[in-house]
Every structure is written in C-alpha cells, then in structure tokens.
Amino acid sequence: MPNRHEDATFGSRLLSSARFWKTIAAIVVVIIVLGGSIRGFVIQRFTIPSASMEPTLKVDDSITVWRPDALRGDLQRGDIVVFDGRGSFVDDALPTPLQKIGSWIGLGPRDVYYVKRVIAVSGDTLECCDAKGRLLLNGKPLNEDYAPRPASAVEFSIEVPEGTMWVMGDNRNDSADSRSLLGRPGGGFIPIDRVIGPVIGHGSSID
C-alpha cells in the first residue's frame, strides 16, 4: 500500500505534468467559449444608465436581452430593444465586424449601447401628432399608455427605410432618441443589424 510520501510524490508529478496543465487549459477554453456563446447567441444583461425609459425602466434597473430575435431580425413595434449606437447616437465610425462580434459576447465599451422602444419599422409612416397628442402610425392613432401626452414635443413626419427602425424613449420629455437625429445623416433611423436584442425581463423577472 502506498505511504504518504508516495502519495505526495504522485501529486507532485501530476501537478508538474504537461498533460495535466493542457487538460486544465482545455477546460478553461471550453468554459470561455460556452460563456461567450450564451452571451453571443442567447442572452445578455445590461443596466439602465438614464431616465429615458421611465416609468417602464428606471435608472440602475437590470435588464435581460434575448439575442435570438435580433439574430433572426424578428423585431416588432412596441419591443424595447438594446442597440449599438455607433454611427447614429454615438459619433464614432460604424462598428467593424470584429466590434460587432465583441458586442455580441459582451466585450468592448459599454457606453455605446442604448435602450429604446421600437415605434415604427421598415415601410411604416409615422407622424406627430394628432389633435389629441397621439402619434399617427400608418395614418392611425397610436395608443401608448406608457408615454405622456402629447407623445412628442417635436413635430415630425417620416417614412422608415428598409432594414431600419425608428426608436423613442418612454420618457419623451427626457430622451435622446430618433427625434434627436432628425436632419442628420441617417435621419434618426437605426439599422436593424445594430440591435443586440429585445428586452425580455428586468430585475429578477423574465417575461
């Protein structure tokens, strides 16, 4: 039967063997890849930095974002989404393919992400406002129980180009959103391929 000295010798050999450390390295790589895959293709977590989405989302709320809908381009009017604001809200060059991949797995700067509500999608017309202060979506009043009346202090009339969306914060009087970019390159329209995903829950809940 091995004595304690032999046990210690065996343990020392194990820790110093190249095969042992290669195995550990492989396990670490697998964990990193799996974690990145989950963040890149399933869910991500963000924290609300401003009051632009109040009362729906408050400052410092944690939100869960669902990646698959964004990867499929399956975004609906009324969705609250997180998107990369570079090239629109952020006066930086458009994100490179490598930066896009980084954003999917949670790498890179965090201050380039925005959370807003999708109000109109490709082909929609949107106008502010009717006599009751409501937005007109494709000529019909849009009932927004989450937003104040009037729905916007800025008057506008737009048609959303293909592959883009028009976004606004729920706190219309304290939100930098698509209205803030009217008259600038891009006209306030956010490319759908910049969307990280729709919000599916906040706090500890997932809707």
N, C-alpha and C. Protein backbone atom coordinates (compact mmCIF):
# COMPACT_ATOMS: atom_id res chain seq x y z
N MET A 1 0.86 -1.20 0.00
CA MET A 1 0.00 0.00 0.00
C MET A 1 0.90 1.25 0.00
N PRO A 2 0.60 2.26 -0.85
CA PRO A 2 1.45 3.44 -0.91
C PRO A 2 1.42 4.18 0.41
N ASN A 3 2.58 4.69 0.80
CA ASN A 3 2.62 5.51 2.01
C ASN A 3 2.39 6.97 1.65
N ARG A 4 2.38 7.85 2.68
CA ARG A 4 2.09 9.26 2.45
C ARG A 4 3.13 9.91 1.55
N HIS A 5 4.39 9.46 1.67
CA HIS A 5 5.44 10.02 0.83
C HIS A 5 5.17 9.74 -0.64
N GLU A 6 4.71 8.50 -0.90
CA GLU A 6 4.40 8.13 -2.28
C GLU A 6 3.22 8.92 -2.81
N ASP A 7 2.20 9.13 -1.94
CA ASP A 7 1.05 9.94 -2.34
C ASP A 7 1.49 11.34 -2.72
N ALA A 8 2.35 11.94 -1.91
CA ALA A 8 2.81 13.30 -2.16
C ALA A 8 3.60 13.36 -3.46
N THR A 9 4.43 12.32 -3.69
CA THR A 9 5.23 12.27 -4.91
C THR A 9 4.34 12.18 -6.14
N PHE A 10 3.29 11.35 -6.04
CA PHE A 10 2.35 11.22 -7.16
C PHE A 10 1.65 12.54 -7.46
N GLY A 11 1.23 13.24 -6.37
CA GLY A 11 0.57 14.52 -6.55
C GLY A 11 1.49 15.55 -7.19
N SER A 12 2.74 15.56 -6.79
CA SER A 12 3.70 16.50 -7.37
C SER A 12 3.90 16.21 -8.85
N ARG A 13 3.99 14.91 -9.18
CA ARG A 13 4.16 14.56 -10.59
C ARG A 13 2.96 15.00 -11.42
N LEU A 14 1.77 14.81 -10.85
CA LEU A 14 0.55 15.19 -11.56
C LEU A 14 0.51 16.67 -11.85
N LEU A 15 0.82 17.50 -10.83
CA LEU A 15 0.76 18.95 -10.99
C LEU A 15 1.82 19.47 -11.95
N SER A 16 2.92 18.75 -12.06
CA SER A 16 4.01 19.22 -12.92
C SER A 16 3.93 18.64 -14.33
N SER A 17 2.99 17.73 -14.58
CA SER A 17 2.91 17.09 -15.90
C SER A 17 2.27 18.04 -16.93
N ALA A 18 2.80 18.01 -18.15
CA ALA A 18 2.28 18.86 -19.23
C ALA A 18 0.84 18.47 -19.57
N ARG A 19 0.56 17.16 -19.50
CA ARG A 19 -0.79 16.70 -19.85
C ARG A 19 -1.83 17.29 -18.91
N PHE A 20 -1.50 17.36 -17.61
CA PHE A 20 -2.43 17.91 -16.62
C PHE A 20 -2.76 19.36 -16.95
N TRP A 21 -1.73 20.16 -17.22
CA TRP A 21 -1.98 21.58 -17.48
C TRP A 21 -2.66 21.81 -18.82
N LYS A 22 -2.39 20.95 -19.80
CA LYS A 22 -3.10 21.05 -21.07
C LYS A 22 -4.59 20.76 -20.89
N THR A 23 -4.89 19.79 -20.01
CA THR A 23 -6.29 19.47 -19.73
C THR A 23 -6.99 20.64 -19.06
N ILE A 24 -6.31 21.24 -18.06
CA ILE A 24 -6.89 22.39 -17.38
C ILE A 24 -7.13 23.53 -18.36
N ALA A 25 -6.14 23.80 -19.23
CA ALA A 25 -6.27 24.86 -20.23
C ALA A 25 -7.45 24.60 -21.16
N ALA A 26 -7.61 23.34 -21.57
CA ALA A 26 -8.71 22.98 -22.46
C ALA A 26 -10.06 23.22 -21.79
N ILE A 27 -10.14 22.86 -20.49
CA ILE A 27 -11.39 23.07 -19.74
C ILE A 27 -11.71 24.56 -19.65
N VAL A 28 -10.67 25.38 -19.37
CA VAL A 28 -10.88 26.83 -19.28
C VAL A 28 -11.37 27.39 -20.62
N VAL A 29 -10.76 26.94 -21.72
CA VAL A 29 -11.16 27.41 -23.05
C VAL A 29 -12.62 27.04 -23.33
N VAL A 30 -13.00 25.81 -22.98
CA VAL A 30 -14.39 25.36 -23.20
C VAL A 30 -15.36 26.23 -22.40
N ILE A 31 -15.01 26.54 -21.15
CA ILE A 31 -15.87 27.38 -20.31
C ILE A 31 -16.02 28.77 -20.93
N ILE A 32 -14.90 29.34 -21.40
CA ILE A 32 -14.95 30.67 -22.01
C ILE A 32 -15.80 30.65 -23.29
N VAL A 33 -15.60 29.63 -24.12
CA VAL A 33 -16.35 29.53 -25.37
C VAL A 33 -17.84 29.37 -25.10
N LEU A 34 -18.18 28.51 -24.12
CA LEU A 34 -19.60 28.32 -23.80
C LEU A 34 -20.21 29.60 -23.25
N GLY A 35 -19.46 30.30 -22.36
CA GLY A 35 -19.97 31.56 -21.83
C GLY A 35 -20.16 32.59 -22.92
N GLY A 36 -19.18 32.68 -23.83
CA GLY A 36 -19.30 33.62 -24.94
C GLY A 36 -20.44 33.27 -25.87
N SER A 37 -20.65 31.97 -26.09
CA SER A 37 -21.75 31.53 -26.96
C SER A 37 -23.10 31.90 -26.37
N ILE A 38 -23.24 31.71 -25.06
CA ILE A 38 -24.50 32.06 -24.40
C ILE A 38 -24.76 33.55 -24.53
N ARG A 39 -23.72 34.38 -24.27
CA ARG A 39 -23.86 35.83 -24.38
C ARG A 39 -24.07 36.24 -25.84
N GLY A 40 -23.37 35.56 -26.76
CA GLY A 40 -23.44 35.96 -28.15
C GLY A 40 -24.71 35.55 -28.85
N PHE A 41 -25.30 34.44 -28.44
CA PHE A 41 -26.41 33.88 -29.19
C PHE A 41 -27.68 33.66 -28.38
N VAL A 42 -27.63 33.88 -27.07
CA VAL A 42 -28.83 33.60 -26.26
C VAL A 42 -29.25 34.83 -25.45
N ILE A 43 -28.53 35.17 -24.39
CA ILE A 43 -28.94 36.29 -23.55
C ILE A 43 -27.75 37.18 -23.20
N GLN A 44 -28.08 38.43 -22.89
CA GLN A 44 -27.11 39.35 -22.32
C GLN A 44 -27.80 40.16 -21.23
N ARG A 45 -27.00 40.69 -20.32
CA ARG A 45 -27.53 41.51 -19.23
C ARG A 45 -26.97 42.93 -19.35
N PHE A 46 -27.83 43.92 -19.11
CA PHE A 46 -27.43 45.32 -19.13
C PHE A 46 -28.02 46.03 -17.93
N THR A 47 -27.48 47.20 -17.63
CA THR A 47 -28.01 48.05 -16.56
C THR A 47 -28.46 49.37 -17.17
N ILE A 48 -29.62 49.85 -16.76
CA ILE A 48 -30.18 51.10 -17.30
C ILE A 48 -29.40 52.29 -16.74
N PRO A 49 -28.81 53.13 -17.61
CA PRO A 49 -27.97 54.23 -17.12
C PRO A 49 -28.69 55.56 -16.97
N SER A 50 -29.90 55.71 -17.55
CA SER A 50 -30.54 57.03 -17.56
C SER A 50 -32.04 56.88 -17.34
N ALA A 51 -32.71 58.04 -17.27
CA ALA A 51 -34.16 58.06 -17.01
C ALA A 51 -34.98 58.06 -18.30
N SER A 52 -34.37 57.81 -19.45
CA SER A 52 -35.07 57.97 -20.73
C SER A 52 -36.19 56.97 -20.95
N MET A 53 -36.19 55.85 -20.20
CA MET A 53 -37.24 54.85 -20.39
C MET A 53 -38.21 54.80 -19.21
N GLU A 54 -38.13 55.77 -18.31
CA GLU A 54 -39.10 55.81 -17.21
C GLU A 54 -40.49 56.15 -17.75
N PRO A 55 -41.55 55.63 -17.14
CA PRO A 55 -41.57 54.84 -15.90
C PRO A 55 -41.37 53.34 -16.11
N THR A 56 -41.24 52.91 -17.37
CA THR A 56 -41.13 51.47 -17.65
C THR A 56 -39.87 50.87 -17.05
N LEU A 57 -38.74 51.54 -17.30
CA LEU A 57 -37.45 51.09 -16.77
C LEU A 57 -36.81 52.25 -16.03
N LYS A 58 -36.32 51.97 -14.84
CA LYS A 58 -35.74 53.02 -14.01
C LYS A 58 -34.21 52.92 -13.98
N VAL A 59 -33.58 54.01 -13.60
CA VAL A 59 -32.12 54.06 -13.51
C VAL A 59 -31.62 52.94 -12.60
N ASP A 60 -30.61 52.24 -13.07
CA ASP A 60 -29.94 51.13 -12.37
C ASP A 60 -30.73 49.83 -12.41
N ASP A 61 -31.88 49.80 -13.09
CA ASP A 61 -32.55 48.52 -13.30
C ASP A 61 -31.65 47.60 -14.12
N SER A 62 -31.69 46.31 -13.81
CA SER A 62 -31.00 45.32 -14.63
C SER A 62 -32.00 44.72 -15.61
N ILE A 63 -31.58 44.57 -16.87
CA ILE A 63 -32.48 44.02 -17.89
C ILE A 63 -31.83 42.82 -18.56
N THR A 64 -32.66 41.91 -19.04
CA THR A 64 -32.21 40.74 -19.77
C THR A 64 -32.60 40.90 -21.23
N VAL A 65 -31.64 40.70 -22.12
CA VAL A 65 -31.85 40.87 -23.56
C VAL A 65 -31.77 39.52 -24.25
N TRP A 66 -32.72 39.26 -25.13
CA TRP A 66 -32.84 37.97 -25.82
C TRP A 66 -32.24 38.10 -27.22
N ARG A 67 -31.09 37.45 -27.45
CA ARG A 67 -30.35 37.59 -28.70
C ARG A 67 -31.03 36.92 -29.91
N PRO A 68 -31.66 35.74 -29.79
CA PRO A 68 -32.15 35.05 -30.99
C PRO A 68 -33.07 35.89 -31.86
N ASP A 69 -33.96 36.70 -31.26
CA ASP A 69 -34.88 37.51 -32.07
C ASP A 69 -34.11 38.51 -32.93
N ALA A 70 -33.04 39.10 -32.37
CA ALA A 70 -32.25 40.05 -33.13
C ALA A 70 -31.49 39.34 -34.26
N LEU A 71 -30.96 38.17 -33.98
CA LEU A 71 -30.22 37.42 -35.00
C LEU A 71 -31.13 37.05 -36.16
N ARG A 72 -32.41 36.79 -35.87
CA ARG A 72 -33.38 36.47 -36.93
C ARG A 72 -33.96 37.73 -37.57
N GLY A 73 -33.70 38.89 -36.98
CA GLY A 73 -34.33 40.13 -37.47
C GLY A 73 -35.79 40.20 -37.10
N ASP A 74 -36.21 39.43 -36.10
CA ASP A 74 -37.61 39.35 -35.71
C ASP A 74 -37.90 40.38 -34.61
N LEU A 75 -38.02 41.64 -35.01
CA LEU A 75 -38.29 42.73 -34.08
C LEU A 75 -39.63 43.36 -34.41
N GLN A 76 -40.40 43.62 -33.37
CA GLN A 76 -41.77 44.09 -33.54
C GLN A 76 -41.93 45.51 -33.00
N ARG A 77 -42.92 46.22 -33.54
CA ARG A 77 -43.29 47.51 -32.95
C ARG A 77 -43.67 47.29 -31.49
N GLY A 78 -43.22 48.17 -30.64
CA GLY A 78 -43.50 48.05 -29.21
C GLY A 78 -42.43 47.34 -28.43
N ASP A 79 -41.53 46.62 -29.12
CA ASP A 79 -40.42 45.97 -28.42
C ASP A 79 -39.50 47.02 -27.80
N ILE A 80 -39.02 46.75 -26.60
CA ILE A 80 -37.94 47.54 -26.03
C ILE A 80 -36.65 46.83 -26.38
N VAL A 81 -35.72 47.55 -27.03
CA VAL A 81 -34.51 46.90 -27.53
C VAL A 81 -33.26 47.62 -27.04
N VAL A 82 -32.17 46.86 -26.98
CA VAL A 82 -30.84 47.41 -26.76
C VAL A 82 -30.11 47.36 -28.10
N PHE A 83 -29.47 48.47 -28.48
CA PHE A 83 -28.76 48.50 -29.75
C PHE A 83 -27.43 49.23 -29.60
N ASP A 84 -26.55 48.98 -30.56
CA ASP A 84 -25.25 49.62 -30.62
C ASP A 84 -25.43 50.97 -31.31
N GLY A 85 -25.15 52.06 -30.61
CA GLY A 85 -25.41 53.40 -31.13
C GLY A 85 -24.30 53.99 -31.95
N ARG A 86 -23.21 53.23 -32.20
CA ARG A 86 -22.12 53.77 -33.01
C ARG A 86 -22.59 54.01 -34.44
N GLY A 87 -22.29 55.19 -34.95
CA GLY A 87 -22.72 55.56 -36.29
C GLY A 87 -24.07 56.25 -36.31
N SER A 88 -24.72 56.35 -35.15
CA SER A 88 -26.01 57.05 -35.07
C SER A 88 -26.02 57.93 -33.83
N PHE A 89 -26.28 57.35 -32.67
CA PHE A 89 -26.30 58.12 -31.43
C PHE A 89 -24.89 58.48 -30.96
N VAL A 90 -23.92 57.67 -31.33
CA VAL A 90 -22.53 57.91 -30.96
C VAL A 90 -21.76 58.32 -32.21
N ASP A 91 -21.07 59.47 -32.13
CA ASP A 91 -20.36 59.99 -33.30
C ASP A 91 -19.05 59.26 -33.55
N ASP A 92 -19.11 57.95 -33.58
CA ASP A 92 -17.96 57.13 -33.92
C ASP A 92 -18.22 56.50 -35.28
N ALA A 93 -17.17 55.97 -35.86
CA ALA A 93 -17.34 55.22 -37.10
C ALA A 93 -18.24 54.02 -36.84
N LEU A 94 -18.85 53.51 -37.90
CA LEU A 94 -19.68 52.33 -37.75
C LEU A 94 -18.86 51.20 -37.17
N PRO A 95 -19.47 50.37 -36.32
CA PRO A 95 -18.72 49.27 -35.72
C PRO A 95 -18.18 48.31 -36.78
N THR A 96 -16.95 47.90 -36.61
CA THR A 96 -16.35 46.93 -37.52
C THR A 96 -16.95 45.55 -37.26
N PRO A 97 -16.79 44.60 -38.20
CA PRO A 97 -17.28 43.24 -37.94
C PRO A 97 -16.74 42.68 -36.63
N LEU A 98 -15.46 42.95 -36.32
CA LEU A 98 -14.88 42.45 -35.07
C LEU A 98 -15.54 43.09 -33.87
N GLN A 99 -15.83 44.40 -33.95
CA GLN A 99 -16.51 45.09 -32.84
C GLN A 99 -17.93 44.57 -32.67
N LYS A 100 -18.60 44.23 -33.77
CA LYS A 100 -19.94 43.66 -33.68
C LYS A 100 -19.91 42.34 -32.93
N ILE A 101 -18.96 41.49 -33.29
CA ILE A 101 -18.83 40.21 -32.61
C ILE A 101 -18.54 40.43 -31.13
N GLY A 102 -17.66 41.40 -30.84
CA GLY A 102 -17.36 41.73 -29.45
C GLY A 102 -18.58 42.16 -28.68
N SER A 103 -19.44 42.96 -29.31
CA SER A 103 -20.64 43.43 -28.63
C SER A 103 -21.59 42.27 -28.34
N TRP A 104 -21.61 41.25 -29.22
CA TRP A 104 -22.48 40.10 -29.01
C TRP A 104 -22.07 39.31 -27.77
N ILE A 105 -20.77 39.26 -27.48
CA ILE A 105 -20.31 38.45 -26.35
C ILE A 105 -19.93 39.30 -25.15
N GLY A 106 -20.31 40.60 -25.20
CA GLY A 106 -20.13 41.45 -24.03
C GLY A 106 -18.76 42.07 -23.91
N LEU A 107 -17.97 42.09 -25.00
CA LEU A 107 -16.66 42.71 -24.96
C LEU A 107 -16.73 44.11 -25.58
N GLY A 108 -15.79 44.97 -25.20
CA GLY A 108 -15.75 46.31 -25.76
C GLY A 108 -16.43 47.32 -24.86
N PRO A 109 -16.50 48.60 -25.28
CA PRO A 109 -17.07 49.66 -24.45
C PRO A 109 -18.55 49.43 -24.18
N ARG A 110 -19.00 49.82 -22.99
CA ARG A 110 -20.40 49.65 -22.62
C ARG A 110 -21.24 50.90 -22.85
N ASP A 111 -20.56 52.06 -23.05
CA ASP A 111 -21.30 53.30 -23.16
C ASP A 111 -21.79 53.57 -24.58
N VAL A 112 -21.71 52.59 -25.48
CA VAL A 112 -22.21 52.77 -26.84
C VAL A 112 -23.59 52.13 -27.00
N TYR A 113 -24.11 51.53 -25.93
CA TYR A 113 -25.39 50.83 -26.03
C TYR A 113 -26.53 51.72 -25.53
N TYR A 114 -27.66 51.64 -26.22
CA TYR A 114 -28.84 52.42 -25.87
C TYR A 114 -30.03 51.48 -25.75
N VAL A 115 -30.98 51.86 -24.89
CA VAL A 115 -32.22 51.10 -24.77
C VAL A 115 -33.38 52.03 -25.08
N LYS A 116 -34.20 51.64 -26.07
CA LYS A 116 -35.34 52.44 -26.50
C LYS A 116 -36.46 51.50 -26.94
N ARG A 117 -37.62 52.10 -27.21
CA ARG A 117 -38.77 51.33 -27.69
C ARG A 117 -38.89 51.48 -29.20
N VAL A 118 -39.12 50.35 -29.89
CA VAL A 118 -39.34 50.39 -31.33
C VAL A 118 -40.75 50.94 -31.58
N ILE A 119 -40.84 52.06 -32.29
CA ILE A 119 -42.13 52.67 -32.58
C ILE A 119 -42.58 52.34 -33.99
N ALA A 120 -41.65 52.31 -34.94
CA ALA A 120 -42.00 52.02 -36.33
C ALA A 120 -40.89 51.21 -36.97
N VAL A 121 -41.28 50.37 -37.94
CA VAL A 121 -40.31 49.51 -38.63
C VAL A 121 -40.38 49.77 -40.13
N SER A 122 -39.57 49.02 -40.87
CA SER A 122 -39.43 49.26 -42.31
C SER A 122 -40.78 49.40 -43.02
N GLY A 123 -40.91 50.49 -43.80
CA GLY A 123 -42.13 50.71 -44.58
C GLY A 123 -43.20 51.49 -43.86
N ASP A 124 -43.09 51.65 -42.55
CA ASP A 124 -44.09 52.41 -41.79
C ASP A 124 -43.94 53.91 -42.02
N THR A 125 -45.07 54.61 -41.90
CA THR A 125 -45.04 56.07 -41.81
C THR A 125 -45.39 56.44 -40.38
N LEU A 126 -44.79 57.53 -39.89
CA LEU A 126 -45.01 57.97 -38.51
C LEU A 126 -45.06 59.48 -38.50
N GLU A 127 -46.05 60.01 -37.79
CA GLU A 127 -46.23 61.46 -37.77
C GLU A 127 -46.60 61.93 -36.37
N CYS A 128 -46.11 63.06 -36.00
CA CYS A 128 -46.51 63.70 -34.75
C CYS A 128 -47.16 65.04 -35.07
N CYS A 129 -48.28 65.20 -34.54
CA CYS A 129 -49.17 64.35 -33.74
C CYS A 129 -50.60 64.72 -34.12
N ASP A 130 -51.60 63.96 -33.71
CA ASP A 130 -52.98 64.35 -33.99
C ASP A 130 -53.47 65.34 -32.95
N ALA A 131 -54.74 65.70 -33.04
CA ALA A 131 -55.28 66.74 -32.15
C ALA A 131 -55.26 66.33 -30.68
N LYS A 132 -55.19 65.02 -30.42
CA LYS A 132 -55.14 64.52 -29.05
C LYS A 132 -53.71 64.25 -28.58
N GLY A 133 -52.73 64.65 -29.37
CA GLY A 133 -51.34 64.48 -28.97
C GLY A 133 -50.80 63.08 -29.17
N ARG A 134 -51.47 62.28 -30.01
CA ARG A 134 -51.02 60.91 -30.26
C ARG A 134 -50.20 60.83 -31.54
N LEU A 135 -49.23 59.92 -31.57
CA LEU A 135 -48.51 59.65 -32.81
C LEU A 135 -49.46 58.98 -33.80
N LEU A 136 -49.23 59.23 -35.08
CA LEU A 136 -50.01 58.58 -36.12
C LEU A 136 -49.12 57.58 -36.83
N LEU A 137 -49.40 56.30 -36.63
CA LEU A 137 -48.64 55.22 -37.24
C LEU A 137 -49.43 54.69 -38.42
N ASN A 138 -48.89 54.86 -39.63
CA ASN A 138 -49.58 54.47 -40.87
C ASN A 138 -50.97 55.09 -40.92
N GLY A 139 -51.04 56.34 -40.45
CA GLY A 139 -52.28 57.10 -40.53
C GLY A 139 -53.26 56.86 -39.40
N LYS A 140 -52.95 55.95 -38.47
CA LYS A 140 -53.86 55.62 -37.37
C LYS A 140 -53.25 56.03 -36.03
N PRO A 141 -54.08 56.56 -35.11
CA PRO A 141 -53.56 56.97 -33.80
C PRO A 141 -52.92 55.79 -33.06
N LEU A 142 -51.78 56.05 -32.46
CA LEU A 142 -51.07 55.03 -31.71
C LEU A 142 -51.30 55.25 -30.22
N ASN A 143 -51.95 54.30 -29.59
CA ASN A 143 -52.24 54.42 -28.15
C ASN A 143 -51.04 53.90 -27.36
N GLU A 144 -50.42 54.81 -26.62
CA GLU A 144 -49.23 54.48 -25.84
C GLU A 144 -49.51 54.79 -24.37
N ASP A 145 -49.91 53.78 -23.61
CA ASP A 145 -50.22 54.02 -22.20
C ASP A 145 -48.97 54.25 -21.36
N TYR A 146 -47.80 54.01 -21.95
CA TYR A 146 -46.53 54.19 -21.24
C TYR A 146 -45.94 55.58 -21.47
N ALA A 147 -46.53 56.36 -22.36
CA ALA A 147 -45.94 57.65 -22.75
C ALA A 147 -46.88 58.81 -22.38
N PRO A 148 -46.34 60.01 -22.25
CA PRO A 148 -47.16 61.17 -21.90
C PRO A 148 -47.93 61.68 -23.12
N ARG A 149 -48.81 62.62 -22.89
CA ARG A 149 -49.48 63.35 -23.97
C ARG A 149 -49.09 64.82 -23.87
N PRO A 150 -48.71 65.45 -24.96
CA PRO A 150 -48.54 64.85 -26.28
C PRO A 150 -47.38 63.87 -26.31
N ALA A 151 -47.42 62.98 -27.30
CA ALA A 151 -46.42 61.93 -27.38
C ALA A 151 -45.05 62.46 -27.75
N SER A 152 -44.98 63.67 -28.26
CA SER A 152 -43.70 64.28 -28.59
C SER A 152 -43.88 65.79 -28.68
N ALA A 153 -42.90 66.51 -28.14
CA ALA A 153 -42.91 67.97 -28.29
C ALA A 153 -42.31 68.38 -29.62
N VAL A 154 -41.65 67.44 -30.29
CA VAL A 154 -41.04 67.69 -31.59
C VAL A 154 -41.97 67.16 -32.67
N GLU A 155 -42.37 68.01 -33.60
CA GLU A 155 -43.22 67.57 -34.70
C GLU A 155 -42.36 66.96 -35.81
N PHE A 156 -42.84 65.88 -36.40
CA PHE A 156 -42.11 65.24 -37.49
C PHE A 156 -43.06 64.40 -38.31
N SER A 157 -42.62 64.06 -39.51
CA SER A 157 -43.35 63.17 -40.40
C SER A 157 -42.30 62.39 -41.20
N ILE A 158 -42.26 61.07 -40.98
CA ILE A 158 -41.19 60.27 -41.59
C ILE A 158 -41.74 58.96 -42.18
N GLU A 159 -40.95 58.37 -43.06
CA GLU A 159 -41.20 57.02 -43.55
C GLU A 159 -39.94 56.21 -43.28
N VAL A 160 -40.09 55.05 -42.68
CA VAL A 160 -38.94 54.26 -42.23
C VAL A 160 -38.37 53.46 -43.41
N PRO A 161 -37.09 53.67 -43.74
CA PRO A 161 -36.47 52.93 -44.84
C PRO A 161 -36.32 51.44 -44.54
N GLU A 162 -36.10 50.68 -45.57
CA GLU A 162 -35.90 49.23 -45.44
C GLU A 162 -34.69 48.94 -44.56
N GLY A 163 -34.84 47.94 -43.70
CA GLY A 163 -33.73 47.50 -42.87
C GLY A 163 -33.43 48.38 -41.67
N THR A 164 -34.35 49.30 -41.35
CA THR A 164 -34.13 50.20 -40.22
C THR A 164 -35.38 50.26 -39.34
N MET A 165 -35.27 50.99 -38.24
CA MET A 165 -36.39 51.18 -37.32
C MET A 165 -36.30 52.58 -36.73
N TRP A 166 -37.42 53.04 -36.20
CA TRP A 166 -37.50 54.34 -35.52
C TRP A 166 -37.74 54.06 -34.05
N VAL A 167 -36.91 54.62 -33.17
CA VAL A 167 -37.00 54.31 -31.75
C VAL A 167 -37.21 55.59 -30.95
N MET A 168 -37.91 55.43 -29.82
CA MET A 168 -38.14 56.55 -28.91
C MET A 168 -38.12 56.03 -27.48
N GLY A 169 -37.72 56.90 -26.54
CA GLY A 169 -37.79 56.56 -25.13
C GLY A 169 -39.20 56.77 -24.61
N ASP A 170 -39.57 56.04 -23.58
CA ASP A 170 -40.91 56.22 -23.00
C ASP A 170 -41.02 57.55 -22.27
N ASN A 171 -39.92 58.04 -21.75
CA ASN A 171 -39.89 59.34 -21.06
C ASN A 171 -39.63 60.41 -22.13
N ARG A 172 -40.65 60.72 -22.90
CA ARG A 172 -40.49 61.51 -24.12
C ARG A 172 -39.88 62.89 -23.90
N ASN A 173 -40.07 63.45 -22.73
CA ASN A 173 -39.53 64.79 -22.47
C ASN A 173 -38.10 64.76 -21.94
N ASP A 174 -37.54 63.56 -21.78
CA ASP A 174 -36.17 63.44 -21.29
C ASP A 174 -35.51 62.23 -21.95
N SER A 175 -35.55 62.22 -23.27
CA SER A 175 -35.00 61.08 -24.01
C SER A 175 -34.33 61.55 -25.29
N ALA A 176 -33.06 61.20 -25.43
CA ALA A 176 -32.38 61.37 -26.71
C ALA A 176 -32.68 60.13 -27.54
N ASP A 177 -33.45 60.30 -28.61
CA ASP A 177 -33.85 59.15 -29.41
C ASP A 177 -33.84 59.54 -30.89
N SER A 178 -34.60 58.81 -31.71
CA SER A 178 -34.57 59.07 -33.15
C SER A 178 -34.91 60.52 -33.49
N ARG A 179 -35.74 61.16 -32.68
CA ARG A 179 -36.09 62.57 -32.94
C ARG A 179 -34.87 63.47 -32.86
N SER A 180 -33.90 63.11 -32.03
CA SER A 180 -32.71 63.93 -31.83
C SER A 180 -31.80 63.94 -33.06
N LEU A 181 -32.00 62.96 -33.96
CA LEU A 181 -31.13 62.82 -35.12
C LEU A 181 -31.79 63.29 -36.40
N LEU A 182 -32.97 63.88 -36.31
CA LEU A 182 -33.64 64.41 -37.49
C LEU A 182 -32.75 65.46 -38.14
N GLY A 183 -32.59 65.37 -39.45
CA GLY A 183 -31.75 66.33 -40.17
C GLY A 183 -30.29 65.96 -40.21
N ARG A 184 -29.90 64.90 -39.50
CA ARG A 184 -28.51 64.45 -39.52
C ARG A 184 -28.39 63.23 -40.44
N PRO A 185 -27.17 62.86 -40.85
CA PRO A 185 -27.02 61.65 -41.68
C PRO A 185 -27.69 60.46 -41.01
N GLY A 186 -28.46 59.74 -41.77
CA GLY A 186 -29.20 58.59 -41.22
C GLY A 186 -30.60 58.96 -40.79
N GLY A 187 -30.85 60.26 -40.53
CA GLY A 187 -32.20 60.73 -40.25
C GLY A 187 -32.86 60.17 -39.01
N GLY A 188 -32.08 59.56 -38.10
CA GLY A 188 -32.67 59.01 -36.88
C GLY A 188 -33.07 57.56 -37.01
N PHE A 189 -32.88 56.96 -38.18
CA PHE A 189 -33.25 55.57 -38.40
C PHE A 189 -32.10 54.66 -37.98
N ILE A 190 -32.42 53.65 -37.17
CA ILE A 190 -31.41 52.75 -36.62
C ILE A 190 -31.41 51.44 -37.41
N PRO A 191 -30.26 51.07 -38.00
CA PRO A 191 -30.20 49.80 -38.73
C PRO A 191 -30.53 48.62 -37.81
N ILE A 192 -31.35 47.72 -38.32
CA ILE A 192 -31.77 46.57 -37.51
C ILE A 192 -30.58 45.69 -37.14
N ASP A 193 -29.55 45.68 -37.99
CA ASP A 193 -28.41 44.80 -37.66
C ASP A 193 -27.56 45.34 -36.51
N ARG A 194 -27.90 46.53 -35.98
CA ARG A 194 -27.19 47.04 -34.80
C ARG A 194 -27.87 46.62 -33.50
N VAL A 195 -29.03 45.96 -33.61
CA VAL A 195 -29.77 45.59 -32.41
C VAL A 195 -29.13 44.38 -31.74
N ILE A 196 -28.88 44.52 -30.43
CA ILE A 196 -28.36 43.39 -29.64
C ILE A 196 -29.50 42.43 -29.34
N GLY A 197 -30.68 42.96 -29.02
CA GLY A 197 -31.83 42.11 -28.78
C GLY A 197 -32.93 42.86 -28.04
N PRO A 198 -34.15 42.29 -28.05
CA PRO A 198 -35.24 42.88 -27.28
C PRO A 198 -35.13 42.52 -25.80
N VAL A 199 -35.66 43.38 -24.95
CA VAL A 199 -35.67 43.15 -23.51
C VAL A 199 -36.78 42.15 -23.19
N ILE A 200 -36.44 41.08 -22.49
CA ILE A 200 -37.45 40.08 -22.14
C ILE A 200 -37.73 40.07 -20.64
N GLY A 201 -37.06 40.91 -19.89
CA GLY A 201 -37.32 40.97 -18.46
C GLY A 201 -36.40 41.97 -17.81
N HIS A 202 -36.77 42.38 -16.59
CA HIS A 202 -35.87 43.24 -15.82
C HIS A 202 -35.93 42.86 -14.36
N GLY A 203 -34.89 43.25 -13.63
CA GLY A 203 -34.76 42.77 -12.26
C GLY A 203 -34.50 41.28 -12.29
N SER A 204 -35.26 40.53 -11.50
CA SER A 204 -35.10 39.08 -11.47
C SER A 204 -36.13 38.37 -12.32
N SER A 205 -36.96 39.14 -13.06
CA SER A 205 -38.03 38.52 -13.83
C SER A 205 -37.66 38.39 -15.29
N ILE A 206 -38.22 37.40 -15.95
CA ILE A 206 -38.12 37.26 -17.40
C ILE A 206 -39.54 37.04 -17.91
N ASP A 207 -39.96 37.95 -18.82
CA ASP A 207 -41.35 37.90 -19.31
C ASP A 207 -41.49 36.86 -20.41
